[in-house]
Amino acid sequence: MKPFFLTMIAATVMIQAQTPDQKPGKIQQRKENQQGRISNGVKNGSLTPRETASLENKESKLNKETRADRKANGGNLTNNEKKQVNRQQNRLSKDIYRDKHNAATQPK
């Protein structure tokens, strides 16, 4: 199971690296930080495979939504879209924290 999730994380990082329409900034930095937090949770066993898959799916949906919003607005996000993405990133951050600090861990 571990190799599958490590492969999934590596694929996510590679896909993110191939998205040229995203400008560096707060959104991008938070996305990278949260991906790192998920990776650390997988490495240290504090995230189960199910929790990891759920978090990765949530992050993927947020990334797709952000790309679509940027594409619809000529490469930029409106202020309202930035606020919405920030709220969604806040929720995802809380989900990551909750999943990493609950009693469920990967079997060793």
PDB file of N, CA and C in Angstrom:
ATOM      1  N   MET A   1       0.811  -1.194   0.000  1.00  0.00           N
ATOM      2  CA  MET A   1       0.000   0.000   0.000  1.00  0.00           C
ATOM      3  C   MET A   1       0.855   1.260   0.000  1.00  0.00           C
ATOM      4  N   LYS A   2       1.951   1.253   0.767  1.00  0.00           N
ATOM      5  CA  LYS A   2       2.789   2.441   0.866  1.00  0.00           C
ATOM      6  C   LYS A   2       3.332   2.880  -0.491  1.00  0.00           C
ATOM      7  N   PRO A   3       3.851   1.947  -1.319  1.00  0.00           N
ATOM      8  CA  PRO A   3       4.377   2.386  -2.617  1.00  0.00           C
ATOM      9  C   PRO A   3       3.310   3.051  -3.480  1.00  0.00           C
ATOM     10  N   PHE A   4       2.070   2.565  -3.392  1.00  0.00           N
ATOM     11  CA  PHE A   4       0.989   3.159  -4.171  1.00  0.00           C
ATOM     12  C   PHE A   4       0.791   4.624  -3.797  1.00  0.00           C
ATOM     13  N   PHE A   5       0.751   4.915  -2.509  1.00  0.00           N
ATOM     14  CA  PHE A   5       0.502   6.283  -2.078  1.00  0.00           C
ATOM     15  C   PHE A   5       1.701   7.185  -2.326  1.00  0.00           C
ATOM     16  N   LEU A   6       2.895   6.642  -2.198  1.00  0.00           N
ATOM     17  CA  LEU A   6       4.068   7.443  -2.522  1.00  0.00           C
ATOM     18  C   LEU A   6       4.093   7.763  -4.014  1.00  0.00           C
ATOM     19  N   THR A   7       3.672   6.799  -4.838  1.00  0.00           N
ATOM     20  CA  THR A   7       3.576   7.037  -6.278  1.00  0.00           C
ATOM     21  C   THR A   7       2.514   8.084  -6.574  1.00  0.00           C
ATOM     22  N   MET A   8       1.383   8.013  -5.863  1.00  0.00           N
ATOM     23  CA  MET A   8       0.308   8.975  -6.056  1.00  0.00           C
ATOM     24  C   MET A   8       0.785  10.384  -5.693  1.00  0.00           C
ATOM     25  N   ILE A   9       1.521  10.509  -4.629  1.00  0.00           N
ATOM     26  CA  ILE A   9       2.038  11.818  -4.219  1.00  0.00           C
ATOM     27  C   ILE A   9       3.034  12.337  -5.250  1.00  0.00           C
ATOM     28  N   ALA A  10       3.911  11.462  -5.719  1.00  0.00           N
ATOM     29  CA  ALA A  10       4.889  11.868  -6.735  1.00  0.00           C
ATOM     30  C   ALA A  10       4.186  12.321  -8.012  1.00  0.00           C
ATOM     31  N   ALA A  11       3.129  11.619  -8.399  1.00  0.00           N
ATOM     32  CA  ALA A  11       2.380  12.002  -9.595  1.00  0.00           C
ATOM     33  C   ALA A  11       1.717  13.360  -9.413  1.00  0.00           C
ATOM     34  N   THR A  12       1.177  13.612  -8.232  1.00  0.00           N
ATOM     35  CA  THR A  12       0.549  14.896  -7.952  1.00  0.00           C
ATOM     36  C   THR A  12       1.560  16.029  -8.057  1.00  0.00           C
ATOM     37  N   VAL A  13       2.741  15.816  -7.512  1.00  0.00           N
ATOM     38  CA  VAL A  13       3.781  16.841  -7.575  1.00  0.00           C
ATOM     39  C   VAL A  13       4.188  17.093  -9.015  1.00  0.00           C
ATOM     40  N   MET A  14       4.316  16.029  -9.804  1.00  0.00           N
ATOM     41  CA  MET A  14       4.701  16.186 -11.213  1.00  0.00           C
ATOM     42  C   MET A  14       3.627  16.935 -11.995  1.00  0.00           C
ATOM     43  N   ILE A  15       2.369  16.628 -11.742  1.00  0.00           N
ATOM     44  CA  ILE A  15       1.274  17.315 -12.431  1.00  0.00           C
ATOM     45  C   ILE A  15       1.264  18.791 -12.062  1.00  0.00           C
ATOM     46  N   GLN A  16       1.479  19.076 -10.789  1.00  0.00           N
ATOM     47  CA  GLN A  16       1.497  20.465 -10.349  1.00  0.00           C
ATOM     48  C   GLN A  16       2.636  21.230 -10.991  1.00  0.00           C
ATOM     49  N   ALA A  17       3.750  20.565 -11.216  1.00  0.00           N
ATOM     50  CA  ALA A  17       4.899  21.225 -11.831  1.00  0.00           C
ATOM     51  C   ALA A  17       4.646  21.538 -13.301  1.00  0.00           C
ATOM     52  N   GLN A  18       3.702  20.848 -13.915  1.00  0.00           N
ATOM     53  CA  GLN A  18       3.423  21.027 -15.333  1.00  0.00           C
ATOM     54  C   GLN A  18       2.331  22.051 -15.603  1.00  0.00           C
ATOM     55  N   THR A  19       1.834  22.723 -14.609  1.00  0.00           N
ATOM     56  CA  THR A  19       0.765  23.694 -14.801  1.00  0.00           C
ATOM     57  C   THR A  19       1.357  25.092 -14.887  1.00  0.00           C
ATOM     58  N   PRO A  20       1.638  25.570 -16.097  1.00  0.00           N
ATOM     59  CA  PRO A  20       2.286  26.867 -16.251  1.00  0.00           C
ATOM     60  C   PRO A  20       1.365  28.052 -16.000  1.00  0.00           C
ATOM     61  N   ASP A  21       0.046  27.838 -15.965  1.00  0.00           N
ATOM     62  CA  ASP A  21      -0.874  28.962 -15.816  1.00  0.00           C
ATOM     63  C   ASP A  21      -0.979  29.458 -14.379  1.00  0.00           C
ATOM     64  N   GLN A  22      -0.303  28.819 -13.447  1.00  0.00           N
ATOM     65  CA  GLN A  22      -0.398  29.242 -12.066  1.00  0.00           C
ATOM     66  C   GLN A  22       0.799  30.113 -11.711  1.00  0.00           C
ATOM     67  N   LYS A  23       0.486  31.291 -11.241  1.00  0.00           N
ATOM     68  CA  LYS A  23       1.529  32.238 -10.880  1.00  0.00           C
ATOM     69  C   LYS A  23       1.962  31.997  -9.445  1.00  0.00           C
ATOM     70  N   PRO A  24       3.236  32.236  -9.151  1.00  0.00           N
ATOM     71  CA  PRO A  24       3.684  32.059  -7.774  1.00  0.00           C
ATOM     72  C   PRO A  24       3.000  33.077  -6.871  1.00  0.00           C
ATOM     73  N   GLY A  25       2.709  32.675  -5.685  1.00  0.00           N
ATOM     74  CA  GLY A  25       2.062  33.572  -4.742  1.00  0.00           C
ATOM     75  C   GLY A  25       1.573  32.802  -3.539  1.00  0.00           C
ATOM     76  N   LYS A  26       0.678  33.425  -2.806  1.00  0.00           N
ATOM     77  CA  LYS A  26       0.184  32.828  -1.580  1.00  0.00           C
ATOM     78  C   LYS A  26      -0.534  31.507  -1.834  1.00  0.00           C
ATOM     79  N   ILE A  27      -1.365  31.461  -2.852  1.00  0.00           N
ATOM     80  CA  ILE A  27      -2.131  30.249  -3.143  1.00  0.00           C
ATOM     81  C   ILE A  27      -1.181  29.106  -3.474  1.00  0.00           C
ATOM     82  N   GLN A  28      -0.228  29.363  -4.343  1.00  0.00           N
ATOM     83  CA  GLN A  28       0.739  28.341  -4.743  1.00  0.00           C
ATOM     84  C   GLN A  28       1.580  27.886  -3.549  1.00  0.00           C
ATOM     85  N   GLN A  29       2.020  28.818  -2.738  1.00  0.00           N
ATOM     86  CA  GLN A  29       2.848  28.471  -1.589  1.00  0.00           C
ATOM     87  C   GLN A  29       2.073  27.612  -0.601  1.00  0.00           C
ATOM     88  N   ARG A  30       0.841  27.976  -0.341  1.00  0.00           N
ATOM     89  CA  ARG A  30       0.022  27.183   0.587  1.00  0.00           C
ATOM     90  C   ARG A  30      -0.214  25.792   0.034  1.00  0.00           C
ATOM     91  N   LYS A  31      -0.440  25.701  -1.282  1.00  0.00           N
ATOM     92  CA  LYS A  31      -0.663  24.407  -1.911  1.00  0.00           C
ATOM     93  C   LYS A  31       0.559  23.522  -1.717  1.00  0.00           C
ATOM     94  N   GLU A  32       1.736  24.074  -1.926  1.00  0.00           N
ATOM     95  CA  GLU A  32       2.976  23.316  -1.744  1.00  0.00           C
ATOM     96  C   GLU A  32       3.169  22.919  -0.282  1.00  0.00           C
ATOM     97  N   ASN A  33       2.890  23.826   0.635  1.00  0.00           N
ATOM     98  CA  ASN A  33       3.023  23.525   2.064  1.00  0.00           C
ATOM     99  C   ASN A  33       2.081  22.394   2.480  1.00  0.00           C
ATOM    100  N   GLN A  34       0.841  22.461   2.010  1.00  0.00           N
ATOM    101  CA  GLN A  34      -0.127  21.444   2.377  1.00  0.00           C
ATOM    102  C   GLN A  34       0.234  20.097   1.770  1.00  0.00           C
ATOM    103  N   GLN A  35       0.751  20.097   0.555  1.00  0.00           N
ATOM    104  CA  GLN A  35       1.192  18.849  -0.056  1.00  0.00           C
ATOM    105  C   GLN A  35       2.342  18.253   0.754  1.00  0.00           C
ATOM    106  N   GLY A  36       3.227  19.104   1.236  1.00  0.00           N
ATOM    107  CA  GLY A  36       4.319  18.636   2.081  1.00  0.00           C
ATOM    108  C   GLY A  36       3.826  18.052   3.393  1.00  0.00           C
ATOM    109  N   ARG A  37       2.815  18.661   3.965  1.00  0.00           N
ATOM    110  CA  ARG A  37       2.246  18.154   5.214  1.00  0.00           C
ATOM    111  C   ARG A  37       1.625  16.781   5.002  1.00  0.00           C
ATOM    112  N   ILE A  38       0.946  16.607   3.875  1.00  0.00           N
ATOM    113  CA  ILE A  38       0.361  15.298   3.561  1.00  0.00           C
ATOM    114  C   ILE A  38       1.477  14.271   3.381  1.00  0.00           C
ATOM    115  N   SER A  39       2.514  14.642   2.644  1.00  0.00           N
ATOM    116  CA  SER A  39       3.650  13.729   2.424  1.00  0.00           C
ATOM    117  C   SER A  39       4.290  13.316   3.743  1.00  0.00           C
ATOM    118  N   ASN A  40       4.470  14.270   4.641  1.00  0.00           N
ATOM    119  CA  ASN A  40       5.046  13.953   5.948  1.00  0.00           C
ATOM    120  C   ASN A  40       4.157  13.001   6.732  1.00  0.00           C
ATOM    121  N   GLY A  41       2.844  13.191   6.629  1.00  0.00           N
ATOM    122  CA  GLY A  41       1.912  12.303   7.312  1.00  0.00           C
ATOM    123  C   GLY A  41       1.987  10.879   6.790  1.00  0.00           C
ATOM    124  N   VAL A  42       2.200  10.731   5.484  1.00  0.00           N
ATOM    125  CA  VAL A  42       2.354   9.401   4.898  1.00  0.00           C
ATOM    126  C   VAL A  42       3.667   8.785   5.375  1.00  0.00           C
ATOM    127  N   LYS A  43       4.724   9.574   5.345  1.00  0.00           N
ATOM    128  CA  LYS A  43       6.044   9.062   5.735  1.00  0.00           C
ATOM    129  C   LYS A  43       6.094   8.620   7.191  1.00  0.00           C
ATOM    130  N   ASN A  44       5.498   9.412   8.074  1.00  0.00           N
ATOM    131  CA  ASN A  44       5.601   9.063   9.498  1.00  0.00           C
ATOM    132  C   ASN A  44       4.463   8.173   9.980  1.00  0.00           C
ATOM    133  N   GLY A  45       3.537   7.838   9.084  1.00  0.00           N
ATOM    134  CA  GLY A  45       2.478   6.895   9.429  1.00  0.00           C
ATOM    135  C   GLY A  45       1.281   7.498  10.128  1.00  0.00           C
ATOM    136  N   SER A  46       1.231   8.805  10.265  1.00  0.00           N
ATOM    137  CA  SER A  46       0.097   9.421  10.962  1.00  0.00           C
ATOM    138  C   SER A  46      -1.139   9.543  10.078  1.00  0.00           C
ATOM    139  N   LEU A  47      -0.997   9.317   8.770  1.00  0.00           N
ATOM    140  CA  LEU A  47      -2.142   9.306   7.862  1.00  0.00           C
ATOM    141  C   LEU A  47      -2.350   7.892   7.332  1.00  0.00           C
ATOM    142  N   THR A  48      -3.587   7.425   7.404  1.00  0.00           N
ATOM    143  CA  THR A  48      -3.906   6.117   6.838  1.00  0.00           C
ATOM    144  C   THR A  48      -4.062   6.272   5.322  1.00  0.00           C
ATOM    145  N   PRO A  49      -4.043   5.172   4.596  1.00  0.00           N
ATOM    146  CA  PRO A  49      -4.250   5.259   3.147  1.00  0.00           C
ATOM    147  C   PRO A  49      -5.578   5.928   2.780  1.00  0.00           C
ATOM    148  N   ARG A  50      -6.619   5.638   3.519  1.00  0.00           N
ATOM    149  CA  ARG A  50      -7.930   6.236   3.235  1.00  0.00           C
ATOM    150  C   ARG A  50      -7.904   7.744   3.482  1.00  0.00           C
ATOM    151  N   GLU A  51      -7.288   8.159   4.575  1.00  0.00           N
ATOM    152  CA  GLU A  51      -7.181   9.589   4.879  1.00  0.00           C
ATOM    153  C   GLU A  51      -6.350  10.295   3.810  1.00  0.00           C
ATOM    154  N   THR A  52      -5.265   9.665   3.401  1.00  0.00           N
ATOM    155  CA  THR A  52      -4.401  10.252   2.377  1.00  0.00           C
ATOM    156  C   THR A  52      -5.155  10.431   1.073  1.00  0.00           C
ATOM    157  N   ALA A  53      -5.871   9.394   0.664  1.00  0.00           N
ATOM    158  CA  ALA A  53      -6.633   9.470  -0.584  1.00  0.00           C
ATOM    159  C   ALA A  53      -7.684  10.573  -0.516  1.00  0.00           C
ATOM    160  N   SER A  54      -8.353  10.686   0.617  1.00  0.00           N
ATOM    161  CA  SER A  54      -9.369  11.719   0.778  1.00  0.00           C
ATOM    162  C   SER A  54      -8.764  13.114   0.682  1.00  0.00           C
ATOM    163  N   LEU A  55      -7.659  13.327   1.364  1.00  0.00           N
ATOM    164  CA  LEU A  55      -6.999  14.638   1.329  1.00  0.00           C
ATOM    165  C   LEU A  55      -6.486  14.960  -0.067  1.00  0.00           C
ATOM    166  N   GLU A  56      -5.910  13.978  -0.732  1.00  0.00           N
ATOM    167  CA  GLU A  56      -5.407  14.190  -2.091  1.00  0.00           C
ATOM    168  C   GLU A  56      -6.553  14.539  -3.043  1.00  0.00           C
ATOM    169  N   ASN A  57      -7.692  13.870  -2.882  1.00  0.00           N
ATOM    170  CA  ASN A  57      -8.851  14.170  -3.732  1.00  0.00           C
ATOM    171  C   ASN A  57      -9.350  15.595  -3.492  1.00  0.00           C
ATOM    172  N   LYS A  58      -9.416  15.999  -2.248  1.00  0.00           N
ATOM    173  CA  LYS A  58      -9.855  17.361  -1.931  1.00  0.00           C
ATOM    174  C   LYS A  58      -8.903  18.388  -2.526  1.00  0.00           C
ATOM    175  N   GLU A  59      -7.611  18.114  -2.399  1.00  0.00           N
ATOM    176  CA  GLU A  59      -6.620  19.046  -2.935  1.00  0.00           C
ATOM    177  C   GLU A  59      -6.699  19.099  -4.459  1.00  0.00           C
ATOM    178  N   SER A  60      -6.891  17.951  -5.077  1.00  0.00           N
ATOM    179  CA  SER A  60      -6.995  17.887  -6.532  1.00  0.00           C
ATOM    180  C   SER A  60      -8.200  18.681  -7.039  1.00  0.00           C
ATOM    181  N   LYS A  61      -9.332  18.539  -6.368  1.00  0.00           N
ATOM    182  CA  LYS A  61     -10.536  19.291  -6.759  1.00  0.00           C
ATOM    183  C   LYS A  61     -10.309  20.797  -6.629  1.00  0.00           C
ATOM    184  N   LEU A  62      -9.662  21.198  -5.555  1.00  0.00           N
ATOM    185  CA  LEU A  62      -9.368  22.618  -5.353  1.00  0.00           C
ATOM    186  C   LEU A  62      -8.440  23.132  -6.444  1.00  0.00           C
ATOM    187  N   ASN A  63      -7.425  22.341  -6.803  1.00  0.00           N
ATOM    188  CA  ASN A  63      -6.497  22.749  -7.859  1.00  0.00           C
ATOM    189  C   ASN A  63      -7.206  22.882  -9.205  1.00  0.00           C
ATOM    190  N   LYS A  64      -8.086  21.947  -9.508  1.00  0.00           N
ATOM    191  CA  LYS A  64      -8.837  22.007 -10.773  1.00  0.00           C
ATOM    192  C   LYS A  64      -9.739  23.222 -10.811  1.00  0.00           C
ATOM    193  N   GLU A  65     -10.388  23.493  -9.693  1.00  0.00           N
ATOM    194  CA  GLU A  65     -11.274  24.657  -9.621  1.00  0.00           C
ATOM    195  C   GLU A  65     -10.484  25.953  -9.809  1.00  0.00           C
ATOM    196  N   THR A  66      -9.332  26.030  -9.176  1.00  0.00           N
ATOM    197  CA  THR A  66      -8.490  27.222  -9.293  1.00  0.00           C
ATOM    198  C   THR A  66      -8.022  27.412 -10.733  1.00  0.00           C
ATOM    199  N   ARG A  67      -7.586  26.324 -11.376  1.00  0.00           N
ATOM    200  CA  ARG A  67      -7.159  26.416 -12.779  1.00  0.00           C
ATOM    201  C   ARG A  67      -8.298  26.865 -13.679  1.00  0.00           C
ATOM    202  N   ALA A  68      -9.492  26.328 -13.450  1.00  0.00           N
ATOM    203  CA  ALA A  68     -10.647  26.708 -14.259  1.00  0.00           C
ATOM    204  C   ALA A  68     -10.995  28.181 -14.058  1.00  0.00           C
ATOM    205  N   ASP A  69     -10.936  28.645 -12.821  1.00  0.00           N
ATOM    206  CA  ASP A  69     -11.216  30.054 -12.535  1.00  0.00           C
ATOM    207  C   ASP A  69     -10.187  30.956 -13.209  1.00  0.00           C
ATOM    208  N   ARG A  70      -8.932  30.561 -13.148  1.00  0.00           N
ATOM    209  CA  ARG A  70      -7.891  31.355 -13.809  1.00  0.00           C
ATOM    210  C   ARG A  70      -8.102  31.389 -15.318  1.00  0.00           C
ATOM    211  N   LYS A  71      -8.424  30.247 -15.877  1.00  0.00           N
ATOM    212  CA  LYS A  71      -8.631  30.162 -17.330  1.00  0.00           C
ATOM    213  C   LYS A  71      -9.807  31.037 -17.756  1.00  0.00           C
ATOM    214  N   ALA A  72     -10.847  31.070 -16.946  1.00  0.00           N
ATOM    215  CA  ALA A  72     -12.033  31.859 -17.262  1.00  0.00           C
ATOM    216  C   ALA A  72     -11.773  33.358 -17.157  1.00  0.00           C
ATOM    217  N   ASN A  73     -10.745  33.746 -16.416  1.00  0.00           N
ATOM    218  CA  ASN A  73     -10.474  35.168 -16.183  1.00  0.00           C
ATOM    219  C   ASN A  73      -9.135  35.611 -16.758  1.00  0.00           C
ATOM    220  N   GLY A  74      -8.698  34.987 -17.808  1.00  0.00           N
ATOM    221  CA  GLY A  74      -7.470  35.417 -18.467  1.00  0.00           C
ATOM    222  C   GLY A  74      -6.209  35.197 -17.648  1.00  0.00           C
ATOM    223  N   GLY A  75      -6.192  34.170 -16.814  1.00  0.00           N
ATOM    224  CA  GLY A  75      -4.989  33.848 -16.047  1.00  0.00           C
ATOM    225  C   GLY A  75      -4.962  34.416 -14.645  1.00  0.00           C
ATOM    226  N   ASN A  76      -5.986  35.133 -14.250  1.00  0.00           N
ATOM    227  CA  ASN A  76      -6.027  35.744 -12.916  1.00  0.00           C
ATOM    228  C   ASN A  76      -7.261  35.286 -12.158  1.00  0.00           C
ATOM    229  N   LEU A  77      -7.192  35.412 -10.855  1.00  0.00           N
ATOM    230  CA  LEU A  77      -8.351  35.161 -10.008  1.00  0.00           C
ATOM    231  C   LEU A  77      -8.933  36.498  -9.570  1.00  0.00           C
ATOM    232  N   THR A  78     -10.254  36.564  -9.515  1.00  0.00           N
ATOM    233  CA  THR A  78     -10.880  37.771  -8.980  1.00  0.00           C
ATOM    234  C   THR A  78     -10.676  37.783  -7.467  1.00  0.00           C
ATOM    235  N   ASN A  79     -10.925  38.922  -6.841  1.00  0.00           N
ATOM    236  CA  ASN A  79     -10.778  39.011  -5.387  1.00  0.00           C
ATOM    237  C   ASN A  79     -11.707  38.045  -4.676  1.00  0.00           C
ATOM    238  N   ASN A  80     -12.935  37.906  -5.161  1.00  0.00           N
ATOM    239  CA  ASN A  80     -13.876  36.963  -4.543  1.00  0.00           C
ATOM    240  C   ASN A  80     -13.398  35.527  -4.693  1.00  0.00           C
ATOM    241  N   GLU A  81     -12.813  35.197  -5.852  1.00  0.00           N
ATOM    242  CA  GLU A  81     -12.293  33.849  -6.058  1.00  0.00           C
ATOM    243  C   GLU A  81     -11.097  33.588  -5.148  1.00  0.00           C
ATOM    244  N   LYS A  82     -10.266  34.603  -4.940  1.00  0.00           N
ATOM    245  CA  LYS A  82      -9.130  34.456  -4.027  1.00  0.00           C
ATOM    246  C   LYS A  82      -9.622  34.176  -2.607  1.00  0.00           C
ATOM    247  N   LYS A  83     -10.654  34.892  -2.180  1.00  0.00           N
ATOM    248  CA  LYS A  83     -11.213  34.672  -0.849  1.00  0.00           C
ATOM    249  C   LYS A  83     -11.769  33.259  -0.729  1.00  0.00           C
ATOM    250  N   GLN A  84     -12.456  32.810  -1.780  1.00  0.00           N
ATOM    251  CA  GLN A  84     -13.036  31.470  -1.773  1.00  0.00           C
ATOM    252  C   GLN A  84     -11.939  30.405  -1.704  1.00  0.00           C
ATOM    253  N   VAL A  85     -10.895  30.562  -2.504  1.00  0.00           N
ATOM    254  CA  VAL A  85      -9.782  29.604  -2.485  1.00  0.00           C
ATOM    255  C   VAL A  85      -9.128  29.601  -1.109  1.00  0.00           C
ATOM    256  N   ASN A  86      -8.964  30.770  -0.509  1.00  0.00           N
ATOM    257  CA  ASN A  86      -8.379  30.856   0.827  1.00  0.00           C
ATOM    258  C   ASN A  86      -9.225  30.104   1.849  1.00  0.00           C
ATOM    259  N   ARG A  87     -10.547  30.268   1.788  1.00  0.00           N
ATOM    260  CA  ARG A  87     -11.433  29.540   2.704  1.00  0.00           C
ATOM    261  C   ARG A  87     -11.305  28.035   2.493  1.00  0.00           C
ATOM    262  N   GLN A  88     -11.249  27.612   1.222  1.00  0.00           N
ATOM    263  CA  GLN A  88     -11.123  26.190   0.927  1.00  0.00           C
ATOM    264  C   GLN A  88      -9.777  25.647   1.402  1.00  0.00           C
ATOM    265  N   GLN A  89      -8.722  26.428   1.242  1.00  0.00           N
ATOM    266  CA  GLN A  89      -7.413  26.001   1.727  1.00  0.00           C
ATOM    267  C   GLN A  89      -7.407  25.928   3.257  1.00  0.00           C
ATOM    268  N   ASN A  90      -8.109  26.846   3.914  1.00  0.00           N
ATOM    269  CA  ASN A  90      -8.221  26.794   5.372  1.00  0.00           C
ATOM    270  C   ASN A  90      -8.905  25.500   5.809  1.00  0.00           C
ATOM    271  N   ARG A  91      -9.994  25.144   5.133  1.00  0.00           N
ATOM    272  CA  ARG A  91     -10.710  23.906   5.462  1.00  0.00           C
ATOM    273  C   ARG A  91      -9.816  22.690   5.242  1.00  0.00           C
ATOM    274  N   LEU A  92      -9.099  22.679   4.123  1.00  0.00           N
ATOM    275  CA  LEU A  92      -8.204  21.562   3.826  1.00  0.00           C
ATOM    276  C   LEU A  92      -7.101  21.474   4.872  1.00  0.00           C
ATOM    277  N   SER A  93      -6.576  22.607   5.295  1.00  0.00           N
ATOM    278  CA  SER A  93      -5.543  22.620   6.319  1.00  0.00           C
ATOM    279  C   SER A  93      -6.067  22.010   7.620  1.00  0.00           C
ATOM    280  N   LYS A  94      -7.286  22.360   8.004  1.00  0.00           N
ATOM    281  CA  LYS A  94      -7.890  21.790   9.213  1.00  0.00           C
ATOM    282  C   LYS A  94      -8.097  20.290   9.059  1.00  0.00           C
ATOM    283  N   ASP A  95      -8.499  19.854   7.860  1.00  0.00           N
ATOM    284  CA  ASP A  95      -8.680  18.428   7.604  1.00  0.00           C
ATOM    285  C   ASP A  95      -7.352  17.680   7.740  1.00  0.00           C
ATOM    286  N   ILE A  96      -6.288  18.268   7.201  1.00  0.00           N
ATOM    287  CA  ILE A  96      -4.967  17.645   7.302  1.00  0.00           C
ATOM    288  C   ILE A  96      -4.573  17.519   8.772  1.00  0.00           C
ATOM    289  N   TYR A  97      -4.726  18.590   9.523  1.00  0.00           N
ATOM    290  CA  TYR A  97      -4.378  18.570  10.942  1.00  0.00           C
ATOM    291  C   TYR A  97      -5.184  17.510  11.684  1.00  0.00           C
ATOM    292  N   ARG A  98      -6.491  17.508  11.466  1.00  0.00           N
ATOM    293  CA  ARG A  98      -7.374  16.567  12.163  1.00  0.00           C
ATOM    294  C   ARG A  98      -6.982  15.122  11.839  1.00  0.00           C
ATOM    295  N   ASP A  99      -6.739  14.828  10.556  1.00  0.00           N
ATOM    296  CA  ASP A  99      -6.401  13.463  10.167  1.00  0.00           C
ATOM    297  C   ASP A  99      -5.023  13.041  10.689  1.00  0.00           C
ATOM    298  N   LYS A 100      -4.084  13.972  10.734  1.00  0.00           N
ATOM    299  CA  LYS A 100      -2.748  13.621  11.223  1.00  0.00           C
ATOM    300  C   LYS A 100      -2.725  13.424  12.735  1.00  0.00           C
ATOM    301  N   HIS A 101      -3.655  14.030  13.450  1.00  0.00           N
ATOM    302  CA  HIS A 101      -3.628  13.980  14.906  1.00  0.00           C
ATOM    303  C   HIS A 101      -4.724  13.117  15.519  1.00  0.00           C
ATOM    304  N   ASN A 102      -5.424  12.339  14.708  1.00  0.00           N
ATOM    305  CA  ASN A 102      -6.415  11.433  15.286  1.00  0.00           C
ATOM    306  C   ASN A 102      -5.737  10.123  15.665  1.00  0.00           C
ATOM    307  N   ALA A 103      -6.489   9.190  16.194  1.00  0.00           N
ATOM    308  CA  ALA A 103      -5.898   7.941  16.683  1.00  0.00           C
ATOM    309  C   ALA A 103      -5.555   6.965  15.560  1.00  0.00           C
ATOM    310  N   ALA A 104      -6.085   7.176  14.370  1.00  0.00           N
ATOM    311  CA  ALA A 104      -5.838   6.250  13.262  1.00  0.00           C
ATOM    312  C   ALA A 104      -4.421   6.455  12.713  1.00  0.00           C
ATOM    313  N   THR A 105      -3.699   5.352  12.558  1.00  0.00           N
ATOM    314  CA  THR A 105      -2.349   5.388  11.989  1.00  0.00           C
ATOM    315  C   THR A 105      -2.193   4.230  11.018  1.00  0.00           C
ATOM    316  N   GLN A 106      -1.162   4.311  10.194  1.00  0.00           N
ATOM    317  CA  GLN A 106      -0.877   3.234   9.255  1.00  0.00           C
ATOM    318  C   GLN A 106      -0.347   2.025  10.019  1.00  0.00           C
ATOM    319  N   PRO A 107      -0.756   0.834   9.606  1.00  0.00           N
ATOM    320  CA  PRO A 107      -0.173  -0.356  10.237  1.00  0.00           C
ATOM    321  C   PRO A 107       1.293  -0.480   9.831  1.00  0.00           C
ATOM    322  N   LYS A 108       2.111  -0.926  10.751  1.00  0.00           N
ATOM    323  CA  LYS A 108       3.546  -1.028  10.464  1.00  0.00           C
ATOM    324  C   LYS A 108       3.959  -2.446  10.225  1.00  0.00           C
TER     325      LYS A 108
END
